[in-house]
Amino acid sequence: MDLWMESICSIYRKSIRLLGNNQYTSNVESGSTRTEISIGSNSSLCQ
């Protein structure tokens, strides 16, 4: 389980680095708040 979480977090961090704030703004513009919330949850797990 720990190994799985580490790999998920690694992918997550790389994605955030690539996407930056664009992911958040595009979510707000399209009204897709569900994705934004899941991004927030993942970041708290990975920190």
PDB file of N, CA and C in Angstrom:
ATOM      1  N   MET A   1       0.830  -1.202   0.000  1.00  0.00           N
ATOM      2  CA  MET A   1       0.000   0.000   0.000  1.00  0.00           C
ATOM      3  C   MET A   1       0.867   1.256   0.000  1.00  0.00           C
ATOM      4  N   ASP A   2       1.906   1.271   0.811  1.00  0.00           N
ATOM      5  CA  ASP A   2       2.795   2.428   0.855  1.00  0.00           C
ATOM      6  C   ASP A   2       3.457   2.661  -0.497  1.00  0.00           C
ATOM      7  N   LEU A   3       3.905   1.571  -1.124  1.00  0.00           N
ATOM      8  CA  LEU A   3       4.556   1.679  -2.425  1.00  0.00           C
ATOM      9  C   LEU A   3       3.586   2.236  -3.456  1.00  0.00           C
ATOM     10  N   TRP A   4       2.327   1.763  -3.399  1.00  0.00           N
ATOM     11  CA  TRP A   4       1.296   2.245  -4.320  1.00  0.00           C
ATOM     12  C   TRP A   4       1.068   3.743  -4.131  1.00  0.00           C
ATOM     13  N   MET A   5       0.963   4.170  -2.882  1.00  0.00           N
ATOM     14  CA  MET A   5       0.755   5.588  -2.594  1.00  0.00           C
ATOM     15  C   MET A   5       1.932   6.429  -3.069  1.00  0.00           C
ATOM     16  N   GLU A   6       3.138   5.924  -2.884  1.00  0.00           N
ATOM     17  CA  GLU A   6       4.324   6.662  -3.315  1.00  0.00           C
ATOM     18  C   GLU A   6       4.329   6.864  -4.819  1.00  0.00           C
ATOM     19  N   SER A   7       3.965   5.821  -5.569  1.00  0.00           N
ATOM     20  CA  SER A   7       3.954   5.946  -7.026  1.00  0.00           C
ATOM     21  C   SER A   7       2.851   6.890  -7.483  1.00  0.00           C
ATOM     22  N   ILE A   8       1.686   6.819  -6.839  1.00  0.00           N
ATOM     23  CA  ILE A   8       0.599   7.746  -7.163  1.00  0.00           C
ATOM     24  C   ILE A   8       1.036   9.182  -6.887  1.00  0.00           C
ATOM     25  N   CYS A   9       1.668   9.401  -5.744  1.00  0.00           N
ATOM     26  CA  CYS A   9       2.116  10.738  -5.367  1.00  0.00           C
ATOM     27  C   CYS A   9       3.205  11.241  -6.298  1.00  0.00           C
ATOM     28  N   SER A  10       4.067  10.350  -6.738  1.00  0.00           N
ATOM     29  CA  SER A  10       5.123  10.725  -7.668  1.00  0.00           C
ATOM     30  C   SER A  10       4.529  11.204  -8.985  1.00  0.00           C
ATOM     31  N   ILE A  11       3.562  10.445  -9.501  1.00  0.00           N
ATOM     32  CA  ILE A  11       2.876  10.830 -10.737  1.00  0.00           C
ATOM     33  C   ILE A  11       2.142  12.146 -10.533  1.00  0.00           C
ATOM     34  N   TYR A  12       1.492  12.269  -9.385  1.00  0.00           N
ATOM     35  CA  TYR A  12       0.734  13.476  -9.063  1.00  0.00           C
ATOM     36  C   TYR A  12       1.635  14.706  -9.059  1.00  0.00           C
ATOM     37  N   ARG A  13       2.793  14.599  -8.398  1.00  0.00           N
ATOM     38  CA  ARG A  13       3.707  15.741  -8.316  1.00  0.00           C
ATOM     39  C   ARG A  13       4.202  16.143  -9.694  1.00  0.00           C
ATOM     40  N   LYS A  14       4.542  15.148 -10.529  1.00  0.00           N
ATOM     41  CA  LYS A  14       5.009  15.442 -11.884  1.00  0.00           C
ATOM     42  C   LYS A  14       3.920  16.142 -12.684  1.00  0.00           C
ATOM     43  N   SER A  15       2.685  15.675 -12.533  1.00  0.00           N
ATOM     44  CA  SER A  15       1.561  16.276 -13.250  1.00  0.00           C
ATOM     45  C   SER A  15       1.358  17.725 -12.835  1.00  0.00           C
ATOM     46  N   ILE A  16       1.414  17.977 -11.535  1.00  0.00           N
ATOM     47  CA  ILE A  16       1.234  19.335 -11.023  1.00  0.00           C
ATOM     48  C   ILE A  16       2.329  20.249 -11.549  1.00  0.00           C
ATOM     49  N   ARG A  17       3.560  19.731 -11.587  1.00  0.00           N
ATOM     50  CA  ARG A  17       4.671  20.520 -12.100  1.00  0.00           C
ATOM     51  C   ARG A  17       4.423  20.908 -13.554  1.00  0.00           C
ATOM     52  N   LEU A  18       3.920  19.957 -14.342  1.00  0.00           N
ATOM     53  CA  LEU A  18       3.676  20.211 -15.762  1.00  0.00           C
ATOM     54  C   LEU A  18       2.482  21.137 -15.970  1.00  0.00           C
ATOM     55  N   LEU A  19       1.425  20.896 -15.216  1.00  0.00           N
ATOM     56  CA  LEU A  19       0.180  21.642 -15.428  1.00  0.00           C
ATOM     57  C   LEU A  19       0.202  23.020 -14.788  1.00  0.00           C
ATOM     58  N   GLY A  20       0.814  23.108 -13.614  1.00  0.00           N
ATOM     59  CA  GLY A  20       0.819  24.369 -12.893  1.00  0.00           C
ATOM     60  C   GLY A  20      -0.588  24.809 -12.548  1.00  0.00           C
ATOM     61  N   ASN A  21      -0.834  26.107 -12.599  1.00  0.00           N
ATOM     62  CA  ASN A  21      -2.147  26.641 -12.237  1.00  0.00           C
ATOM     63  C   ASN A  21      -3.160  26.511 -13.364  1.00  0.00           C
ATOM     64  N   ASN A  22      -2.717  26.141 -14.573  1.00  0.00           N
ATOM     65  CA  ASN A  22      -3.637  26.010 -15.698  1.00  0.00           C
ATOM     66  C   ASN A  22      -4.752  25.023 -15.399  1.00  0.00           C
ATOM     67  N   GLN A  23      -4.416  23.942 -14.689  1.00  0.00           N
ATOM     68  CA  GLN A  23      -5.413  22.931 -14.352  1.00  0.00           C
ATOM     69  C   GLN A  23      -6.534  23.539 -13.512  1.00  0.00           C
ATOM     70  N   TYR A  24      -6.170  24.370 -12.549  1.00  0.00           N
ATOM     71  CA  TYR A  24      -7.176  24.978 -11.678  1.00  0.00           C
ATOM     72  C   TYR A  24      -8.053  25.952 -12.456  1.00  0.00           C
ATOM     73  N   THR A  25      -7.434  26.814 -13.273  1.00  0.00           N
ATOM     74  CA  THR A  25      -8.212  27.814 -14.006  1.00  0.00           C
ATOM     75  C   THR A  25      -9.131  27.149 -15.020  1.00  0.00           C
ATOM     76  N   SER A  26      -8.668  26.121 -15.706  1.00  0.00           N
ATOM     77  CA  SER A  26      -9.515  25.439 -16.686  1.00  0.00           C
ATOM     78  C   SER A  26     -10.689  24.758 -15.999  1.00  0.00           C
ATOM     79  N   ASN A  27     -10.461  24.222 -14.800  1.00  0.00           N
ATOM     80  CA  ASN A  27     -11.547  23.602 -14.047  1.00  0.00           C
ATOM     81  C   ASN A  27     -12.604  24.628 -13.664  1.00  0.00           C
ATOM     82  N   VAL A  28     -12.170  25.785 -13.243  1.00  0.00           N
ATOM     83  CA  VAL A  28     -13.109  26.832 -12.837  1.00  0.00           C
ATOM     84  C   VAL A  28     -13.908  27.308 -14.047  1.00  0.00           C
ATOM     85  N   GLU A  29     -13.224  27.518 -15.174  1.00  0.00           N
ATOM     86  CA  GLU A  29     -13.888  28.013 -16.373  1.00  0.00           C
ATOM     87  C   GLU A  29     -14.917  27.021 -16.901  1.00  0.00           C
ATOM     88  N   SER A  30     -14.591  25.726 -16.853  1.00  0.00           N
ATOM     89  CA  SER A  30     -15.507  24.715 -17.377  1.00  0.00           C
ATOM     90  C   SER A  30     -16.541  24.296 -16.336  1.00  0.00           C
ATOM     91  N   GLY A  31     -16.369  24.768 -15.102  1.00  0.00           N
ATOM     92  CA  GLY A  31     -17.300  24.413 -14.037  1.00  0.00           C
ATOM     93  C   GLY A  31     -17.062  23.015 -13.502  1.00  0.00           C
ATOM     94  N   SER A  32     -15.875  22.468 -13.768  1.00  0.00           N
ATOM     95  CA  SER A  32     -15.567  21.104 -13.328  1.00  0.00           C
ATOM     96  C   SER A  32     -14.879  21.145 -11.971  1.00  0.00           C
ATOM     97  N   THR A  33     -15.651  21.431 -10.936  1.00  0.00           N
ATOM     98  CA  THR A  33     -15.069  21.611  -9.602  1.00  0.00           C
ATOM     99  C   THR A  33     -14.707  20.283  -8.961  1.00  0.00           C
ATOM    100  N   ARG A  34     -15.305  19.203  -9.447  1.00  0.00           N
ATOM    101  CA  ARG A  34     -15.051  17.889  -8.851  1.00  0.00           C
ATOM    102  C   ARG A  34     -13.570  17.520  -8.985  1.00  0.00           C
ATOM    103  N   THR A  35     -12.999  17.790 -10.164  1.00  0.00           N
ATOM    104  CA  THR A  35     -11.585  17.501 -10.398  1.00  0.00           C
ATOM    105  C   THR A  35     -10.714  18.346  -9.473  1.00  0.00           C
ATOM    106  N   GLU A  36     -11.089  19.595  -9.310  1.00  0.00           N
ATOM    107  CA  GLU A  36     -10.324  20.504  -8.456  1.00  0.00           C
ATOM    108  C   GLU A  36     -10.288  19.994  -7.018  1.00  0.00           C
ATOM    109  N   ILE A  37     -11.417  19.510  -6.547  1.00  0.00           N
ATOM    110  CA  ILE A  37     -11.502  18.996  -5.177  1.00  0.00           C
ATOM    111  C   ILE A  37     -10.619  17.761  -5.018  1.00  0.00           C
ATOM    112  N   SER A  38     -10.642  16.869  -6.008  1.00  0.00           N
ATOM    113  CA  SER A  38      -9.830  15.654  -5.919  1.00  0.00           C
ATOM    114  C   SER A  38      -8.340  15.993  -5.963  1.00  0.00           C
ATOM    115  N   ILE A  39      -7.971  17.022  -6.716  1.00  0.00           N
ATOM    116  CA  ILE A  39      -6.574  17.472  -6.738  1.00  0.00           C
ATOM    117  C   ILE A  39      -6.159  17.930  -5.342  1.00  0.00           C
ATOM    118  N   GLY A  40      -7.015  18.671  -4.672  1.00  0.00           N
ATOM    119  CA  GLY A  40      -6.729  19.133  -3.321  1.00  0.00           C
ATOM    120  C   GLY A  40      -6.564  17.984  -2.351  1.00  0.00           C
ATOM    121  N   SER A  41      -7.417  16.979  -2.462  1.00  0.00           N
ATOM    122  CA  SER A  41      -7.341  15.812  -1.580  1.00  0.00           C
ATOM    123  C   SER A  41      -6.030  15.067  -1.788  1.00  0.00           C
ATOM    124  N   ASN A  42      -5.664  14.867  -3.057  1.00  0.00           N
ATOM    125  CA  ASN A  42      -4.437  14.143  -3.363  1.00  0.00           C
ATOM    126  C   ASN A  42      -3.216  14.878  -2.833  1.00  0.00           C
ATOM    127  N   SER A  43      -3.206  16.198  -2.947  1.00  0.00           N
ATOM    128  CA  SER A  43      -2.048  16.955  -2.481  1.00  0.00           C
ATOM    129  C   SER A  43      -1.874  16.812  -0.972  1.00  0.00           C
ATOM    130  N   SER A  44      -2.970  16.776  -0.227  1.00  0.00           N
ATOM    131  CA  SER A  44      -2.855  16.630   1.227  1.00  0.00           C
ATOM    132  C   SER A  44      -2.352  15.229   1.588  1.00  0.00           C
ATOM    133  N   LEU A  45      -2.737  14.226   0.809  1.00  0.00           N
ATOM    134  CA  LEU A  45      -2.248  12.864   1.045  1.00  0.00           C
ATOM    135  C   LEU A  45      -0.761  12.757   0.742  1.00  0.00           C
ATOM    136  N   CYS A  46      -0.320  13.457  -0.289  1.00  0.00           N
ATOM    137  CA  CYS A  46       1.050  13.306  -0.762  1.00  0.00           C
ATOM    138  C   CYS A  46       2.034  14.180   0.018  1.00  0.00           C
ATOM    139  N   GLN A  47       1.544  15.162   0.756  1.00  0.00           N
ATOM    140  CA  GLN A  47       2.451  16.000   1.536  1.00  0.00           C
ATOM    141  C   GLN A  47       2.618  15.390   2.914  1.00  0.00           C
TER     142      GLN A  47
END
